[in-house]
Amino acid sequence: LPGAWDFTLSFSTAGQFQNGARGEGARKQS
């Protein structure tokens, strides 16, 4: 993709997955 971009990225730390948080891609039950 050419050009420069503005964006924000919000995510959980890898430690949150390793410390018993629900696994990669886990979502709230809905």
Full PDB file with SEQRES, HELIX, SHEET, SSBOND, CRYST1, ORIGX, SCALE, CONECT and MASTER records, all heavy atoms in Angstrom:
SEQRES   1 A   30  LEU PRO GLY ALA TRP ASP PHE THR LEU SER PHE SER THR          
SEQRES   2 A   30  ALA GLY GLN PHE GLN ASN GLY ALA ARG GLY GLU GLY ALA          
SEQRES   3 A   30  ARG LYS GLN SER                                              
HELIX    1 AA1 ALA A   14  GLN A   18  1                                   5    
CRYST1    1.000    1.000    1.000  90.00  90.00  90.00 P 1           1          
ORIGX1      1.000000  0.000000  0.000000        0.00000                         
ORIGX2      0.000000  1.000000  0.000000        0.00000                         
ORIGX3      0.000000  0.000000  1.000000        0.00000                         
SCALE1      1.000000  0.000000  0.000000        0.00000                         
SCALE2      0.000000  1.000000  0.000000        0.00000                         
SCALE3      0.000000  0.000000  1.000000        0.00000                         
ATOM      1  N   LEU A   1       0.857  -1.189   0.000  1.00  0.00           N  
ATOM      2  CA  LEU A   1       0.000   0.000   0.000  1.00  0.00           C  
ATOM      3  C   LEU A   1       0.887   1.232   0.000  1.00  0.00           C  
ATOM      4  O   LEU A   1       1.698   1.407   0.902  1.00  0.00           O  
ATOM      5  CB  LEU A   1      -0.901   0.028   1.237  1.00  0.00           C  
ATOM      6  CG  LEU A   1      -2.104  -0.885   1.220  1.00  0.00           C  
ATOM      7  CD1 LEU A   1      -2.813  -0.838   2.568  1.00  0.00           C  
ATOM      8  CD2 LEU A   1      -3.065  -0.505   0.116  1.00  0.00           C  
ATOM      9  N   PRO A   2       0.744   2.095  -0.991  1.00  0.00           N  
ATOM     10  CA  PRO A   2       1.594   3.288  -1.052  1.00  0.00           C  
ATOM     11  C   PRO A   2       1.092   4.377  -0.110  1.00  0.00           C  
ATOM     12  O   PRO A   2      -0.048   4.352   0.339  1.00  0.00           O  
ATOM     13  CB  PRO A   2       1.458   3.729  -2.505  1.00  0.00           C  
ATOM     14  CG  PRO A   2       0.083   3.283  -2.893  1.00  0.00           C  
ATOM     15  CD  PRO A   2      -0.152   1.995  -2.144  1.00  0.00           C  
ATOM     16  N   GLY A   3       1.951   5.309   0.172  1.00  0.00           N  
ATOM     17  CA  GLY A   3       1.565   6.482   0.946  1.00  0.00           C  
ATOM     18  C   GLY A   3       1.721   6.301   2.440  1.00  0.00           C  
ATOM     19  O   GLY A   3       2.076   5.239   2.936  1.00  0.00           O  
ATOM     20  N   ALA A   4       1.440   7.387   3.140  1.00  0.00           N  
ATOM     21  CA  ALA A   4       1.519   7.405   4.602  1.00  0.00           C  
ATOM     22  C   ALA A   4       0.113   7.467   5.174  1.00  0.00           C  
ATOM     23  O   ALA A   4      -0.801   7.993   4.543  1.00  0.00           O  
ATOM     24  CB  ALA A   4       2.345   8.595   5.068  1.00  0.00           C  
ATOM     25  N   TRP A   5      -0.036   6.961   6.405  1.00  0.00           N  
ATOM     26  CA  TRP A   5      -1.362   6.777   7.000  1.00  0.00           C  
ATOM     27  C   TRP A   5      -1.394   7.278   8.438  1.00  0.00           C  
ATOM     28  O   TRP A   5      -0.381   7.301   9.120  1.00  0.00           O  
ATOM     29  CB  TRP A   5      -1.741   5.301   6.970  1.00  0.00           C  
ATOM     30  CG  TRP A   5      -1.701   4.735   5.596  1.00  0.00           C  
ATOM     31  CD1 TRP A   5      -0.633   4.149   4.972  1.00  0.00           C  
ATOM     32  CD2 TRP A   5      -2.753   4.751   4.643  1.00  0.00           C  
ATOM     33  NE1 TRP A   5      -0.969   3.786   3.697  1.00  0.00           N  
ATOM     34  CE2 TRP A   5      -2.263   4.137   3.467  1.00  0.00           C  
ATOM     35  CE3 TRP A   5      -4.064   5.203   4.667  1.00  0.00           C  
ATOM     36  CZ2 TRP A   5      -3.053   3.978   2.337  1.00  0.00           C  
ATOM     37  CZ3 TRP A   5      -4.841   5.045   3.539  1.00  0.00           C  
ATOM     38  CH2 TRP A   5      -4.339   4.440   2.384  1.00  0.00           C  
ATOM     39  N   ASP A   6      -2.585   7.623   8.899  1.00  0.00           N  
ATOM     40  CA  ASP A   6      -2.876   7.914  10.299  1.00  0.00           C  
ATOM     41  C   ASP A   6      -3.821   6.823  10.786  1.00  0.00           C  
ATOM     42  O   ASP A   6      -4.789   6.485  10.089  1.00  0.00           O  
ATOM     43  CB  ASP A   6      -3.585   9.263  10.460  1.00  0.00           C  
ATOM     44  CG  ASP A   6      -2.721  10.457  10.106  1.00  0.00           C  
ATOM     45  OD1 ASP A   6      -1.484  10.314  10.057  1.00  0.00           O  
ATOM     46  OD2 ASP A   6      -3.293  11.533   9.885  1.00  0.00           O  
ATOM     47  N   PHE A   7      -3.556   6.260  11.969  1.00  0.00           N  
ATOM     48  CA  PHE A   7      -4.438   5.235  12.525  1.00  0.00           C  
ATOM     49  C   PHE A   7      -4.128   5.031  13.997  1.00  0.00           C  
ATOM     50  O   PHE A   7      -3.081   5.443  14.488  1.00  0.00           O  
ATOM     51  CB  PHE A   7      -4.311   3.903  11.773  1.00  0.00           C  
ATOM     52  CG  PHE A   7      -2.920   3.363  11.700  1.00  0.00           C  
ATOM     53  CD1 PHE A   7      -2.429   2.528  12.700  1.00  0.00           C  
ATOM     54  CD2 PHE A   7      -2.095   3.674  10.637  1.00  0.00           C  
ATOM     55  CE1 PHE A   7      -1.135   2.032  12.636  1.00  0.00           C  
ATOM     56  CE2 PHE A   7      -0.800   3.178  10.564  1.00  0.00           C  
ATOM     57  CZ  PHE A   7      -0.316   2.356  11.561  1.00  0.00           C  
ATOM     58  N   THR A   8      -5.064   4.393  14.690  1.00  0.00           N  
ATOM     59  CA  THR A   8      -4.829   3.952  16.059  1.00  0.00           C  
ATOM     60  C   THR A   8      -5.009   2.437  16.088  1.00  0.00           C  
ATOM     61  O   THR A   8      -5.769   1.875  15.296  1.00  0.00           O  
ATOM     62  CB  THR A   8      -5.791   4.603  17.077  1.00  0.00           C  
ATOM     63  OG1 THR A   8      -7.126   4.301  16.698  1.00  0.00           O  
ATOM     64  CG2 THR A   8      -5.591   6.099  17.133  1.00  0.00           C  
ATOM     65  N   LEU A   9      -4.295   1.801  16.992  1.00  0.00           N  
ATOM     66  CA  LEU A   9      -4.349   0.356  17.131  1.00  0.00           C  
ATOM     67  C   LEU A   9      -4.433   0.038  18.615  1.00  0.00           C  
ATOM     68  O   LEU A   9      -3.564   0.445  19.389  1.00  0.00           O  
ATOM     69  CB  LEU A   9      -3.097  -0.260  16.510  1.00  0.00           C  
ATOM     70  CG  LEU A   9      -3.020  -1.774  16.454  1.00  0.00           C  
ATOM     71  CD1 LEU A   9      -4.115  -2.341  15.547  1.00  0.00           C  
ATOM     72  CD2 LEU A   9      -1.655  -2.218  15.949  1.00  0.00           C  
ATOM     73  N   SER A  10      -5.489  -0.663  19.010  1.00  0.00           N  
ATOM     74  CA  SER A  10      -5.675  -1.027  20.404  1.00  0.00           C  
ATOM     75  C   SER A  10      -5.763  -2.542  20.509  1.00  0.00           C  
ATOM     76  O   SER A  10      -6.540  -3.177  19.802  1.00  0.00           O  
ATOM     77  CB  SER A  10      -6.958  -0.378  20.937  1.00  0.00           C  
ATOM     78  OG  SER A  10      -7.082  -0.614  22.315  1.00  0.00           O  
ATOM     79  N   PHE A  11      -4.939  -3.121  21.400  1.00  0.00           N  
ATOM     80  CA  PHE A  11      -4.891  -4.574  21.532  1.00  0.00           C  
ATOM     81  C   PHE A  11      -4.497  -4.946  22.954  1.00  0.00           C  
ATOM     82  O   PHE A  11      -4.106  -4.107  23.757  1.00  0.00           O  
ATOM     83  CB  PHE A  11      -3.917  -5.180  20.510  1.00  0.00           C  
ATOM     84  CG  PHE A  11      -2.500  -4.671  20.612  1.00  0.00           C  
ATOM     85  CD1 PHE A  11      -1.536  -5.377  21.305  1.00  0.00           C  
ATOM     86  CD2 PHE A  11      -2.143  -3.475  20.008  1.00  0.00           C  
ATOM     87  CE1 PHE A  11      -0.237  -4.906  21.390  1.00  0.00           C  
ATOM     88  CE2 PHE A  11      -0.844  -2.997  20.082  1.00  0.00           C  
ATOM     89  CZ  PHE A  11       0.115  -3.710  20.779  1.00  0.00           C  
ATOM     90  N   SER A  12      -4.607  -6.226  23.262  1.00  0.00           N  
ATOM     91  CA  SER A  12      -4.212  -6.755  24.569  1.00  0.00           C  
ATOM     92  C   SER A  12      -2.765  -7.213  24.490  1.00  0.00           C  
ATOM     93  O   SER A  12      -2.297  -7.632  23.440  1.00  0.00           O  
ATOM     94  CB  SER A  12      -5.102  -7.946  24.932  1.00  0.00           C  
ATOM     95  OG  SER A  12      -6.462  -7.586  24.864  1.00  0.00           O  
ATOM     96  N   THR A  13      -2.071  -7.146  25.613  1.00  0.00           N  
ATOM     97  CA  THR A  13      -0.684  -7.597  25.618  1.00  0.00           C  
ATOM     98  C   THR A  13      -0.628  -9.116  25.489  1.00  0.00           C  
ATOM     99  O   THR A  13      -1.586  -9.816  25.830  1.00  0.00           O  
ATOM    100  CB  THR A  13       0.037  -7.189  26.913  1.00  0.00           C  
ATOM    101  OG1 THR A  13      -0.578  -7.864  28.012  1.00  0.00           O  
ATOM    102  CG2 THR A  13       0.019  -5.691  27.116  1.00  0.00           C  
ATOM    103  N   ALA A  14       0.497  -9.626  25.011  1.00  0.00           N  
ATOM    104  CA  ALA A  14       0.680 -11.071  24.899  1.00  0.00           C  
ATOM    105  C   ALA A  14       0.581 -11.718  26.273  1.00  0.00           C  
ATOM    106  O   ALA A  14       0.083 -12.831  26.412  1.00  0.00           O  
ATOM    107  CB  ALA A  14       2.019 -11.381  24.247  1.00  0.00           C  
ATOM    108  N   GLY A  15       1.028 -11.024  27.311  1.00  0.00           N  
ATOM    109  CA  GLY A  15       0.963 -11.540  28.668  1.00  0.00           C  
ATOM    110  C   GLY A  15      -0.456 -11.806  29.137  1.00  0.00           C  
ATOM    111  O   GLY A  15      -0.689 -12.699  29.950  1.00  0.00           O  
ATOM    112  N   GLN A  16      -1.412 -11.040  28.634  1.00  0.00           N  
ATOM    113  CA  GLN A  16      -2.800 -11.271  29.015  1.00  0.00           C  
ATOM    114  C   GLN A  16      -3.283 -12.626  28.523  1.00  0.00           C  
ATOM    115  O   GLN A  16      -4.130 -13.242  29.148  1.00  0.00           O  
ATOM    116  CB  GLN A  16      -3.697 -10.154  28.476  1.00  0.00           C  
ATOM    117  CG  GLN A  16      -3.495  -8.846  29.225  1.00  0.00           C  
ATOM    118  CD  GLN A  16      -4.253  -7.708  28.600  1.00  0.00           C  
ATOM    119  OE1 GLN A  16      -3.779  -7.087  27.666  1.00  0.00           O  
ATOM    120  NE2 GLN A  16      -5.438  -7.452  29.106  1.00  0.00           N  
ATOM    121  N   PHE A  17      -2.758 -13.104  27.400  1.00  0.00           N  
ATOM    122  CA  PHE A  17      -3.115 -14.431  26.902  1.00  0.00           C  
ATOM    123  C   PHE A  17      -2.394 -15.499  27.704  1.00  0.00           C  
ATOM    124  O   PHE A  17      -2.940 -16.532  28.020  1.00  0.00           O  
ATOM    125  CB  PHE A  17      -2.750 -14.564  25.419  1.00  0.00           C  
ATOM    126  CG  PHE A  17      -3.615 -13.720  24.535  1.00  0.00           C  
ATOM    127  CD1 PHE A  17      -3.172 -12.495  24.075  1.00  0.00           C  
ATOM    128  CD2 PHE A  17      -4.877 -14.147  24.181  1.00  0.00           C  
ATOM    129  CE1 PHE A  17      -3.978 -11.711  23.277  1.00  0.00           C  
ATOM    130  CE2 PHE A  17      -5.686 -13.370  23.380  1.00  0.00           C  
ATOM    131  CZ  PHE A  17      -5.235 -12.149  22.927  1.00  0.00           C  
ATOM    132  N   GLN A  18      -1.136 -15.250  28.068  1.00  0.00           N  
ATOM    133  CA  GLN A  18      -0.324 -16.226  28.784  1.00  0.00           C  
ATOM    134  C   GLN A  18      -0.744 -16.360  30.242  1.00  0.00           C  
ATOM    135  O   GLN A  18      -0.495 -17.368  30.864  1.00  0.00           O  
ATOM    136  CB  GLN A  18       1.151 -15.831  28.708  1.00  0.00           C  
ATOM    137  CG  GLN A  18       1.677 -15.852  27.294  1.00  0.00           C  
ATOM    138  CD  GLN A  18       2.982 -15.112  27.141  1.00  0.00           C  
ATOM    139  OE1 GLN A  18       3.487 -14.504  28.081  1.00  0.00           O  
ATOM    140  NE2 GLN A  18       3.529 -15.126  25.942  1.00  0.00           N  
ATOM    141  N   ASN A  19      -1.379 -15.330  30.798  1.00  0.00           N  
ATOM    142  CA  ASN A  19      -1.741 -15.334  32.214  1.00  0.00           C  
ATOM    143  C   ASN A  19      -3.174 -15.767  32.464  1.00  0.00           C  
ATOM    144  O   ASN A  19      -3.799 -15.334  33.412  1.00  0.00           O  
ATOM    145  CB  ASN A  19      -1.507 -13.949  32.821  1.00  0.00           C  
ATOM    146  CG  ASN A  19      -0.048 -13.599  32.867  1.00  0.00           C  
ATOM    147  OD1 ASN A  19       0.796 -14.478  32.985  1.00  0.00           O  
ATOM    148  ND2 ASN A  19       0.257 -12.327  32.756  1.00  0.00           N  
ATOM    149  N   GLY A  20      -3.701 -16.594  31.565  1.00  0.00           N  
ATOM    150  CA  GLY A  20      -5.014 -17.168  31.813  1.00  0.00           C  
ATOM    151  C   GLY A  20      -6.168 -16.405  31.231  1.00  0.00           C  
ATOM    152  O   GLY A  20      -7.307 -16.811  31.407  1.00  0.00           O  
ATOM    153  N   ALA A  21      -5.925 -15.311  30.537  1.00  0.00           N  
ATOM    154  CA  ALA A  21      -7.025 -14.636  29.863  1.00  0.00           C  
ATOM    155  C   ALA A  21      -7.490 -15.560  28.751  1.00  0.00           C  
ATOM    156  O   ALA A  21      -6.781 -16.453  28.323  1.00  0.00           O  
ATOM    157  CB  ALA A  21      -6.563 -13.305  29.290  1.00  0.00           C  
ATOM    158  N   ARG A  22      -8.685 -15.325  28.289  1.00  0.00           N  
ATOM    159  CA  ARG A  22      -9.192 -16.185  27.227  1.00  0.00           C  
ATOM    160  C   ARG A  22      -8.296 -16.088  26.021  1.00  0.00           C  
ATOM    161  O   ARG A  22      -7.718 -15.058  25.749  1.00  0.00           O  
ATOM    162  CB  ARG A  22     -10.627 -15.811  26.898  1.00  0.00           C  
ATOM    163  CG  ARG A  22     -11.488 -16.078  28.105  1.00  0.00           C  
ATOM    164  CD  ARG A  22     -12.923 -15.870  27.949  1.00  0.00           C  
ATOM    165  NE  ARG A  22     -13.320 -15.051  26.830  1.00  0.00           N  
ATOM    166  CZ  ARG A  22     -14.542 -14.684  26.624  1.00  0.00           C  
ATOM    167  NH1 ARG A  22     -15.468 -15.037  27.439  1.00  0.00           N  
ATOM    168  NH2 ARG A  22     -14.852 -13.942  25.589  1.00  0.00           N  
ATOM    169  N   GLY A  23      -8.172 -17.174  25.296  1.00  0.00           N  
ATOM    170  CA  GLY A  23      -7.188 -17.319  24.233  1.00  0.00           C  
ATOM    171  C   GLY A  23      -7.342 -16.403  23.047  1.00  0.00           C  
ATOM    172  O   GLY A  23      -8.276 -15.630  22.946  1.00  0.00           O  
ATOM    173  N   GLU A  24      -6.383 -16.512  22.142  1.00  0.00           N  
ATOM    174  CA  GLU A  24      -6.307 -15.688  20.943  1.00  0.00           C  
ATOM    175  C   GLU A  24      -7.643 -15.685  20.231  1.00  0.00           C  
ATOM    176  O   GLU A  24      -8.211 -16.704  19.911  1.00  0.00           O  
ATOM    177  CB  GLU A  24      -5.231 -16.224  20.015  1.00  0.00           C  
ATOM    178  CG  GLU A  24      -5.214 -15.569  18.680  1.00  0.00           C  
ATOM    179  CD  GLU A  24      -3.895 -14.910  18.382  1.00  0.00           C  
ATOM    180  OE1 GLU A  24      -2.975 -14.982  19.198  1.00  0.00           O  
ATOM    181  OE2 GLU A  24      -3.814 -14.315  17.319  1.00  0.00           O  
ATOM    182  N   GLY A  25      -8.147 -14.486  19.984  1.00  0.00           N  
ATOM    183  CA  GLY A  25      -9.376 -14.346  19.227  1.00  0.00           C  
ATOM    184  C   GLY A  25     -10.628 -14.538  20.068  1.00  0.00           C  
ATOM    185  O   GLY A  25     -11.726 -14.556  19.526  1.00  0.00           O  
ATOM    186  N   ALA A  26     -10.482 -14.706  21.379  1.00  0.00           N  
ATOM    187  CA  ALA A  26     -11.667 -14.909  22.210  1.00  0.00           C  
ATOM    188  C   ALA A  26     -12.526 -13.660  22.219  1.00  0.00           C  
ATOM    189  O   ALA A  26     -12.041 -12.556  22.233  1.00  0.00           O  
ATOM    190  CB  ALA A  26     -11.244 -15.250  23.638  1.00  0.00           C  
ATOM    191  N   ARG A  27     -13.829 -13.870  22.199  1.00  0.00           N  
ATOM    192  CA  ARG A  27     -14.758 -12.751  22.215  1.00  0.00           C  
ATOM    193  C   ARG A  27     -15.731 -12.925  23.362  1.00  0.00           C  
ATOM    194  O   ARG A  27     -15.960 -14.023  23.834  1.00  0.00           O  
ATOM    195  CB  ARG A  27     -15.541 -12.686  20.902  1.00  0.00           C  
ATOM    196  CG  ARG A  27     -14.731 -12.242  19.735  1.00  0.00           C  
ATOM    197  CD  ARG A  27     -15.626 -12.229  18.501  1.00  0.00           C  
ATOM    198  NE  ARG A  27     -15.001 -11.647  17.362  1.00  0.00           N  
ATOM    199  CZ  ARG A  27     -13.947 -12.132  16.724  1.00  0.00           C  
ATOM    200  NH1 ARG A  27     -13.351 -13.204  17.161  1.00  0.00           N  
ATOM    201  NH2 ARG A  27     -13.453 -11.542  15.663  1.00  0.00           N  
ATOM    202  N   LYS A  28     -16.348 -11.829  23.777  1.00  0.00           N  
ATOM    203  CA  LYS A  28     -17.399 -11.908  24.787  1.00  0.00           C  
ATOM    204  C   LYS A  28     -18.528 -12.776  24.255  1.00  0.00           C  
ATOM    205  O   LYS A  28     -18.802 -12.793  23.063  1.00  0.00           O  
ATOM    206  CB  LYS A  28     -17.960 -10.515  25.088  1.00  0.00           C  
ATOM    207  CG  LYS A  28     -17.057  -9.665  25.939  1.00  0.00           C  
ATOM    208  CD  LYS A  28     -17.771  -8.375  26.260  1.00  0.00           C  
ATOM    209  CE  LYS A  28     -16.909  -7.508  27.138  1.00  0.00           C  
ATOM    210  NZ  LYS A  28     -17.556  -6.256  27.452  1.00  0.00           N  
ATOM    211  N   GLN A  29     -19.187 -13.476  25.140  1.00  0.00           N  
ATOM    212  CA  GLN A  29     -20.326 -14.267  24.728  1.00  0.00           C  
ATOM    213  C   GLN A  29     -21.452 -13.325  24.342  1.00  0.00           C  
ATOM    214  O   GLN A  29     -21.782 -12.396  25.057  1.00  0.00           O  
ATOM    215  CB  GLN A  29     -20.783 -15.187  25.869  1.00  0.00           C  
ATOM    216  CG  GLN A  29     -19.767 -16.240  26.237  1.00  0.00           C  
ATOM    217  CD  GLN A  29     -19.475 -17.175  25.084  1.00  0.00           C  
ATOM    218  OE1 GLN A  29     -20.346 -17.497  24.288  1.00  0.00           O  
ATOM    219  NE2 GLN A  29     -18.227 -17.608  24.982  1.00  0.00           N  
ATOM    220  N   SER A  30     -22.026 -13.550  23.197  1.00  0.00           N  
ATOM    221  CA  SER A  30     -23.162 -12.741  22.754  1.00  0.00           C  
ATOM    222  C   SER A  30     -24.071 -13.630  21.933  1.00  0.00           C  
ATOM    223  O   SER A  30     -23.756 -14.779  21.667  1.00  0.00           O  
ATOM    224  CB  SER A  30     -22.680 -11.542  21.923  1.00  0.00           C  
ATOM    225  OG  SER A  30     -22.113 -11.989  20.723  1.00  0.00           O  
TER     226      SER A  30                                                      
MASTER        0    0    0    1    0    0    0    6  225    1    0    3          
END                                                                             
